[in-house]
Amino acid sequence: MPIVVNLDVMMAKRKMSLNELSEKVDITLSNLSILKTGKAKAVRFTTLEAICKALDCQPGDILEYIAE
């Protein structure tokens, strides 16, 4: 898939665990894990907004397009 999720990179930069982000964003740990591993087929803008707010970043810091 040409869209790569760099959530783990941003979490590492902010020194935030998956559990901590899950609590701040109010998303289940399993759903956040699916997103982090790149297995999610979609992400709501409200979820992306909450993640960006919690990690103090831009959507482009989390999602990256890789041309094939």
N, C-alpha and C. Protein backbone atom coordinates (compact mmCIF):
# COMPACT_ATOMS: atom_id res chain seq x y z
N MET A 1 0.84 -1.18 0.00
CA MET A 1 0.00 0.00 0.00
C MET A 1 0.89 1.25 0.00
N PRO A 2 0.59 2.21 -0.86
CA PRO A 2 1.46 3.39 -0.97
C PRO A 2 1.32 4.40 0.17
N ILE A 3 0.33 4.23 1.04
CA ILE A 3 0.21 5.12 2.21
C ILE A 3 0.87 4.44 3.40
N VAL A 4 1.85 5.10 3.98
CA VAL A 4 2.58 4.56 5.13
C VAL A 4 2.19 5.35 6.37
N VAL A 5 1.93 4.63 7.46
CA VAL A 5 1.56 5.26 8.73
C VAL A 5 2.81 5.33 9.61
N ASN A 6 3.23 6.53 9.96
CA ASN A 6 4.42 6.75 10.78
C ASN A 6 4.05 7.12 12.22
N LEU A 7 2.98 6.53 12.70
CA LEU A 7 2.51 6.84 14.05
C LEU A 7 3.55 6.47 15.10
N ASP A 8 4.19 5.33 14.92
CA ASP A 8 5.21 4.89 15.89
C ASP A 8 6.39 5.86 15.96
N VAL A 9 6.73 6.47 14.83
CA VAL A 9 7.83 7.44 14.79
C VAL A 9 7.47 8.68 15.62
N MET A 10 6.25 9.19 15.41
CA MET A 10 5.81 10.37 16.15
C MET A 10 5.67 10.08 17.64
N MET A 11 5.18 8.88 17.96
CA MET A 11 5.06 8.50 19.37
C MET A 11 6.43 8.43 20.03
N ALA A 12 7.41 7.92 19.32
CA ALA A 12 8.77 7.83 19.86
C ALA A 12 9.35 9.24 20.07
N LYS A 13 9.11 10.13 19.10
CA LYS A 13 9.62 11.50 19.23
C LYS A 13 9.01 12.21 20.43
N ARG A 14 7.76 11.90 20.73
CA ARG A 14 7.06 12.54 21.86
C ARG A 14 7.19 11.72 23.14
N LYS A 15 7.90 10.59 23.06
CA LYS A 15 8.08 9.69 24.21
C LYS A 15 6.72 9.32 24.82
N MET A 16 5.80 8.90 23.95
CA MET A 16 4.45 8.55 24.38
C MET A 16 4.18 7.09 24.05
N SER A 17 3.65 6.37 25.02
CA SER A 17 3.34 4.96 24.81
C SER A 17 1.98 4.81 24.10
N LEU A 18 1.73 3.62 23.58
CA LEU A 18 0.46 3.33 22.93
C LEU A 18 -0.68 3.47 23.93
N ASN A 19 -0.46 3.02 25.16
CA ASN A 19 -1.49 3.13 26.20
C ASN A 19 -1.81 4.59 26.49
N GLU A 20 -0.78 5.41 26.62
CA GLU A 20 -0.97 6.82 26.92
C GLU A 20 -1.72 7.53 25.80
N LEU A 21 -1.34 7.25 24.55
CA LEU A 21 -2.01 7.87 23.40
C LEU A 21 -3.46 7.39 23.32
N SER A 22 -3.67 6.13 23.58
CA SER A 22 -5.02 5.56 23.57
C SER A 22 -5.93 6.29 24.55
N GLU A 23 -5.43 6.58 25.74
CA GLU A 23 -6.20 7.30 26.75
C GLU A 23 -6.47 8.74 26.34
N LYS A 24 -5.45 9.41 25.79
CA LYS A 24 -5.59 10.82 25.41
C LYS A 24 -6.56 11.00 24.25
N VAL A 25 -6.54 10.04 23.32
CA VAL A 25 -7.34 10.15 22.11
C VAL A 25 -8.70 9.48 22.27
N ASP A 26 -8.84 8.68 23.32
CA ASP A 26 -10.07 7.95 23.60
C ASP A 26 -10.41 6.96 22.46
N ILE A 27 -9.39 6.18 22.10
CA ILE A 27 -9.52 5.11 21.10
C ILE A 27 -9.06 3.83 21.79
N THR A 28 -9.72 2.73 21.44
CA THR A 28 -9.31 1.47 22.06
C THR A 28 -7.88 1.15 21.65
N LEU A 29 -7.21 0.44 22.52
CA LEU A 29 -5.83 0.04 22.26
C LEU A 29 -5.73 -0.79 20.99
N SER A 30 -6.69 -1.67 20.77
CA SER A 30 -6.65 -2.52 19.58
C SER A 30 -6.82 -1.71 18.30
N ASN A 31 -7.73 -0.74 18.29
CA ASN A 31 -7.91 0.09 17.09
C ASN A 31 -6.69 0.96 16.83
N LEU A 32 -6.09 1.47 17.87
CA LEU A 32 -4.89 2.28 17.71
C LEU A 32 -3.73 1.42 17.20
N SER A 33 -3.65 0.20 17.67
CA SER A 33 -2.62 -0.73 17.22
C SER A 33 -2.80 -1.06 15.75
N ILE A 34 -4.03 -1.26 15.31
CA ILE A 34 -4.32 -1.53 13.89
C ILE A 34 -3.86 -0.36 13.04
N LEU A 35 -4.11 0.84 13.49
CA LEU A 35 -3.68 2.04 12.77
C LEU A 35 -2.15 2.13 12.75
N LYS A 36 -1.53 1.89 13.89
CA LYS A 36 -0.07 2.00 14.01
C LYS A 36 0.66 1.01 13.11
N THR A 37 0.11 -0.19 12.96
CA THR A 37 0.77 -1.21 12.13
C THR A 37 0.46 -1.06 10.65
N GLY A 38 -0.38 -0.08 10.31
CA GLY A 38 -0.70 0.15 8.90
C GLY A 38 -1.76 -0.79 8.34
N LYS A 39 -2.45 -1.50 9.21
CA LYS A 39 -3.47 -2.45 8.76
C LYS A 39 -4.84 -1.82 8.61
N ALA A 40 -5.00 -0.57 9.05
CA ALA A 40 -6.29 0.12 8.94
C ALA A 40 -6.56 0.47 7.48
N LYS A 41 -7.80 0.32 7.07
CA LYS A 41 -8.20 0.66 5.70
C LYS A 41 -8.65 2.11 5.59
N ALA A 42 -8.99 2.71 6.72
CA ALA A 42 -9.46 4.10 6.73
C ALA A 42 -9.22 4.69 8.11
N VAL A 43 -9.22 6.02 8.16
CA VAL A 43 -9.13 6.72 9.44
C VAL A 43 -10.03 7.95 9.35
N ARG A 44 -10.83 8.16 10.37
CA ARG A 44 -11.72 9.32 10.39
C ARG A 44 -10.89 10.59 10.63
N PHE A 45 -11.35 11.68 10.04
CA PHE A 45 -10.67 12.96 10.25
C PHE A 45 -10.70 13.35 11.72
N THR A 46 -11.78 13.03 12.42
CA THR A 46 -11.86 13.37 13.85
C THR A 46 -10.80 12.59 14.64
N THR A 47 -10.58 11.35 14.25
CA THR A 47 -9.54 10.54 14.90
C THR A 47 -8.16 11.10 14.59
N LEU A 48 -7.93 11.42 13.33
CA LEU A 48 -6.64 11.99 12.91
C LEU A 48 -6.39 13.31 13.63
N GLU A 49 -7.43 14.11 13.76
CA GLU A 49 -7.32 15.39 14.46
C GLU A 49 -6.95 15.18 15.93
N ALA A 50 -7.60 14.22 16.58
CA ALA A 50 -7.32 13.94 17.98
C ALA A 50 -5.89 13.43 18.18
N ILE A 51 -5.43 12.60 17.27
CA ILE A 51 -4.05 12.08 17.34
C ILE A 51 -3.06 13.22 17.15
N CYS A 52 -3.31 14.07 16.17
CA CYS A 52 -2.42 15.21 15.92
C CYS A 52 -2.39 16.17 17.12
N LYS A 53 -3.53 16.36 17.74
CA LYS A 53 -3.59 17.24 18.93
C LYS A 53 -2.79 16.63 20.07
N ALA A 54 -2.96 15.32 20.30
CA ALA A 54 -2.26 14.65 21.39
C ALA A 54 -0.76 14.61 21.17
N LEU A 55 -0.34 14.46 19.91
CA LEU A 55 1.09 14.36 19.61
C LEU A 55 1.70 15.70 19.17
N ASP A 56 0.88 16.74 19.11
CA ASP A 56 1.33 18.07 18.67
C ASP A 56 2.07 17.96 17.34
N CYS A 57 1.35 17.45 16.33
CA CYS A 57 1.97 17.28 15.01
C CYS A 57 0.94 17.55 13.92
N GLN A 58 1.37 17.45 12.68
CA GLN A 58 0.51 17.63 11.52
C GLN A 58 0.16 16.26 10.93
N PRO A 59 -0.96 16.14 10.19
CA PRO A 59 -1.32 14.87 9.57
C PRO A 59 -0.20 14.30 8.69
N GLY A 60 0.54 15.17 8.03
CA GLY A 60 1.65 14.74 7.19
C GLY A 60 2.81 14.13 7.98
N ASP A 61 2.85 14.38 9.27
CA ASP A 61 3.87 13.76 10.12
C ASP A 61 3.53 12.29 10.38
N ILE A 62 2.25 11.96 10.26
CA ILE A 62 1.77 10.61 10.56
C ILE A 62 1.56 9.79 9.29
N LEU A 63 0.99 10.43 8.26
CA LEU A 63 0.69 9.73 7.02
C LEU A 63 1.64 10.17 5.91
N GLU A 64 2.14 9.21 5.17
CA GLU A 64 3.10 9.49 4.10
C GLU A 64 2.73 8.70 2.86
N TYR A 65 2.78 9.35 1.70
CA TYR A 65 2.50 8.66 0.44
C TYR A 65 3.82 8.25 -0.20
N ILE A 66 3.94 6.97 -0.53
CA ILE A 66 5.13 6.45 -1.19
C ILE A 66 4.72 6.00 -2.59
N ALA A 67 5.24 6.64 -3.60
CA ALA A 67 4.92 6.27 -4.99
C ALA A 67 5.54 4.91 -5.31
N GLU A 68 4.76 4.10 -6.00
CA GLU A 68 5.25 2.76 -6.37
C GLU A 68 5.99 2.78 -7.67
